[in-house]
Amino acid sequence: MQIKPLFLRRKEVATYFNISESTVFRWWKSGHLPSPIELGPNRTVWDKAEIDKWIEKKKEKRDMRV
């Protein structure tokens, strides 16, 4: 049984979208990506469920334009 991650680090978010880590930062700062959770002074993560929900909203908007 494989455990699905609940949280993604910036590098993992970048891999998930096939973008650079700096693009993850830019998307977040510009409001195009959900805000991360600061777990500690050196650990910031994104909630995978929020990322997936964000993707679904993007798909719904796409489908509405057609």
N, C-alpha and C. Protein backbone atom coordinates (compact mmCIF):
# COMPACT_ATOMS: atom_id res chain seq x y z
N MET A 1 0.85 -1.18 0.00
CA MET A 1 0.00 0.00 0.00
C MET A 1 0.89 1.24 0.00
N GLN A 2 0.64 2.14 -0.95
CA GLN A 2 1.42 3.36 -1.05
C GLN A 2 0.69 4.49 -0.34
N ILE A 3 1.42 5.24 0.47
CA ILE A 3 0.83 6.36 1.20
C ILE A 3 0.90 7.60 0.31
N LYS A 4 -0.24 8.26 0.13
CA LYS A 4 -0.28 9.48 -0.67
C LYS A 4 0.13 10.66 0.20
N PRO A 5 0.97 11.53 -0.32
CA PRO A 5 1.40 12.68 0.50
C PRO A 5 0.26 13.66 0.72
N LEU A 6 0.21 14.20 1.93
CA LEU A 6 -0.79 15.21 2.25
C LEU A 6 -0.27 16.61 1.97
N PHE A 7 1.04 16.75 2.04
CA PHE A 7 1.67 18.05 1.84
C PHE A 7 2.80 17.93 0.83
N LEU A 8 3.00 18.99 0.07
CA LEU A 8 4.06 19.02 -0.94
C LEU A 8 5.00 20.18 -0.65
N ARG A 9 6.30 19.91 -0.73
CA ARG A 9 7.29 20.98 -0.62
C ARG A 9 7.37 21.71 -1.96
N ARG A 10 8.03 22.87 -1.98
CA ARG A 10 8.09 23.66 -3.21
C ARG A 10 8.64 22.85 -4.37
N LYS A 11 9.67 22.07 -4.13
CA LYS A 11 10.26 21.25 -5.19
C LYS A 11 9.24 20.24 -5.72
N GLU A 12 8.46 19.67 -4.84
CA GLU A 12 7.45 18.69 -5.25
C GLU A 12 6.32 19.36 -6.03
N VAL A 13 5.93 20.58 -5.63
CA VAL A 13 4.92 21.32 -6.38
C VAL A 13 5.45 21.62 -7.77
N ALA A 14 6.71 22.01 -7.86
CA ALA A 14 7.33 22.29 -9.15
C ALA A 14 7.31 21.04 -10.04
N THR A 15 7.65 19.91 -9.47
CA THR A 15 7.63 18.65 -10.21
C THR A 15 6.21 18.29 -10.63
N TYR A 16 5.26 18.50 -9.75
CA TYR A 16 3.85 18.19 -10.00
C TYR A 16 3.35 18.92 -11.24
N PHE A 17 3.76 20.19 -11.40
CA PHE A 17 3.32 21.01 -12.53
C PHE A 17 4.35 21.10 -13.66
N ASN A 18 5.50 20.46 -13.48
CA ASN A 18 6.58 20.51 -14.47
C ASN A 18 7.00 21.97 -14.73
N ILE A 19 7.21 22.71 -13.64
CA ILE A 19 7.66 24.10 -13.69
C ILE A 19 8.86 24.25 -12.76
N SER A 20 9.50 25.40 -12.80
CA SER A 20 10.64 25.62 -11.91
C SER A 20 10.16 26.01 -10.52
N GLU A 21 11.04 25.87 -9.55
CA GLU A 21 10.71 26.26 -8.18
C GLU A 21 10.46 27.76 -8.08
N SER A 22 11.17 28.55 -8.87
CA SER A 22 10.95 29.99 -8.84
C SER A 22 9.57 30.34 -9.41
N THR A 23 9.09 29.56 -10.37
CA THR A 23 7.74 29.78 -10.89
C THR A 23 6.70 29.45 -9.85
N VAL A 24 6.92 28.43 -9.04
CA VAL A 24 6.01 28.13 -7.93
C VAL A 24 5.90 29.36 -7.03
N PHE A 25 7.03 29.94 -6.70
CA PHE A 25 7.06 31.12 -5.84
C PHE A 25 6.31 32.28 -6.50
N ARG A 26 6.56 32.51 -7.78
CA ARG A 26 5.89 33.61 -8.50
C ARG A 26 4.38 33.38 -8.56
N TRP A 27 3.97 32.16 -8.88
CA TRP A 27 2.53 31.86 -8.94
C TRP A 27 1.87 32.11 -7.60
N TRP A 28 2.53 31.70 -6.52
CA TRP A 28 1.97 31.90 -5.19
C TRP A 28 1.87 33.39 -4.87
N LYS A 29 2.95 34.13 -5.09
CA LYS A 29 2.97 35.56 -4.79
C LYS A 29 1.95 36.33 -5.62
N SER A 30 1.68 35.90 -6.85
CA SER A 30 0.73 36.61 -7.71
C SER A 30 -0.71 36.14 -7.50
N GLY A 31 -0.91 35.16 -6.61
CA GLY A 31 -2.26 34.68 -6.31
C GLY A 31 -2.76 33.59 -7.23
N HIS A 32 -1.90 33.06 -8.09
CA HIS A 32 -2.31 31.99 -9.01
C HIS A 32 -2.23 30.61 -8.39
N LEU A 33 -1.67 30.49 -7.22
CA LEU A 33 -1.51 29.22 -6.54
C LEU A 33 -1.94 29.41 -5.09
N PRO A 34 -2.59 28.41 -4.49
CA PRO A 34 -2.98 28.55 -3.09
C PRO A 34 -1.78 28.86 -2.20
N SER A 35 -2.04 29.53 -1.10
CA SER A 35 -0.97 29.88 -0.17
C SER A 35 -0.43 28.65 0.54
N PRO A 36 0.86 28.63 0.78
CA PRO A 36 1.46 27.51 1.51
C PRO A 36 1.22 27.64 3.01
N ILE A 37 1.57 26.59 3.71
CA ILE A 37 1.47 26.54 5.17
C ILE A 37 2.89 26.57 5.72
N GLU A 38 3.16 27.48 6.62
CA GLU A 38 4.48 27.55 7.23
C GLU A 38 4.48 26.67 8.48
N LEU A 39 5.18 25.55 8.40
CA LEU A 39 5.23 24.61 9.52
C LEU A 39 6.29 25.00 10.54
N GLY A 40 7.30 25.69 10.07
CA GLY A 40 8.39 26.11 10.94
C GLY A 40 9.24 27.13 10.19
N PRO A 41 10.31 27.59 10.80
CA PRO A 41 11.11 28.63 10.16
C PRO A 41 11.76 28.19 8.85
N ASN A 42 11.96 26.90 8.66
CA ASN A 42 12.60 26.42 7.43
C ASN A 42 11.77 25.37 6.70
N ARG A 43 10.48 25.34 6.96
CA ARG A 43 9.64 24.33 6.30
C ARG A 43 8.30 24.95 5.91
N THR A 44 8.12 25.09 4.60
CA THR A 44 6.87 25.59 4.05
C THR A 44 6.33 24.54 3.09
N VAL A 45 5.05 24.23 3.20
CA VAL A 45 4.45 23.18 2.38
C VAL A 45 3.10 23.65 1.83
N TRP A 46 2.68 22.98 0.78
CA TRP A 46 1.35 23.21 0.23
C TRP A 46 0.50 22.00 0.53
N ASP A 47 -0.76 22.24 0.85
CA ASP A 47 -1.72 21.16 1.09
C ASP A 47 -2.10 20.58 -0.27
N LYS A 48 -1.84 19.31 -0.47
CA LYS A 48 -2.11 18.68 -1.77
C LYS A 48 -3.59 18.73 -2.10
N ALA A 49 -4.46 18.60 -1.12
CA ALA A 49 -5.90 18.66 -1.37
C ALA A 49 -6.29 20.05 -1.89
N GLU A 50 -5.67 21.10 -1.36
CA GLU A 50 -5.94 22.46 -1.85
C GLU A 50 -5.45 22.64 -3.27
N ILE A 51 -4.30 22.08 -3.58
CA ILE A 51 -3.76 22.14 -4.94
C ILE A 51 -4.71 21.43 -5.90
N ASP A 52 -5.17 20.24 -5.52
CA ASP A 52 -6.09 19.49 -6.37
C ASP A 52 -7.41 20.23 -6.56
N LYS A 53 -7.91 20.86 -5.50
CA LYS A 53 -9.15 21.64 -5.58
C LYS A 53 -8.96 22.84 -6.51
N TRP A 54 -7.80 23.48 -6.42
CA TRP A 54 -7.47 24.62 -7.27
C TRP A 54 -7.47 24.19 -8.74
N ILE A 55 -6.91 23.02 -9.02
CA ILE A 55 -6.89 22.49 -10.39
C ILE A 55 -8.31 22.25 -10.88
N GLU A 56 -9.15 21.67 -10.03
CA GLU A 56 -10.53 21.39 -10.42
C GLU A 56 -11.27 22.69 -10.75
N LYS A 57 -11.04 23.75 -9.98
CA LYS A 57 -11.67 25.04 -10.27
C LYS A 57 -11.22 25.57 -11.62
N LYS A 58 -9.93 25.40 -11.93
CA LYS A 58 -9.40 25.82 -13.23
C LYS A 58 -10.09 25.04 -14.35
N LYS A 59 -10.31 23.75 -14.14
CA LYS A 59 -10.98 22.93 -15.15
C LYS A 59 -12.42 23.38 -15.35
N GLU A 60 -13.11 23.71 -14.24
CA GLU A 60 -14.49 24.17 -14.33
C GLU A 60 -14.58 25.48 -15.12
N LYS A 61 -13.66 26.40 -14.86
CA LYS A 61 -13.65 27.66 -15.60
C LYS A 61 -13.39 27.41 -17.08
N ARG A 62 -12.51 26.49 -17.37
CA ARG A 62 -12.21 26.14 -18.76
C ARG A 62 -13.46 25.59 -19.45
N ASP A 63 -14.17 24.70 -18.75
CA ASP A 63 -15.36 24.08 -19.32
C ASP A 63 -16.48 25.10 -19.52
N MET A 64 -16.54 26.13 -18.70
CA MET A 64 -17.58 27.14 -18.80
C MET A 64 -17.38 28.03 -20.04
N ARG A 65 -16.14 28.17 -20.48
CA ARG A 65 -15.84 29.02 -21.64
C ARG A 65 -16.22 28.36 -22.95
N VAL A 66 -16.34 27.07 -22.95
CA VAL A 66 -16.61 26.34 -24.21
C VAL A 66 -18.06 26.43 -24.57
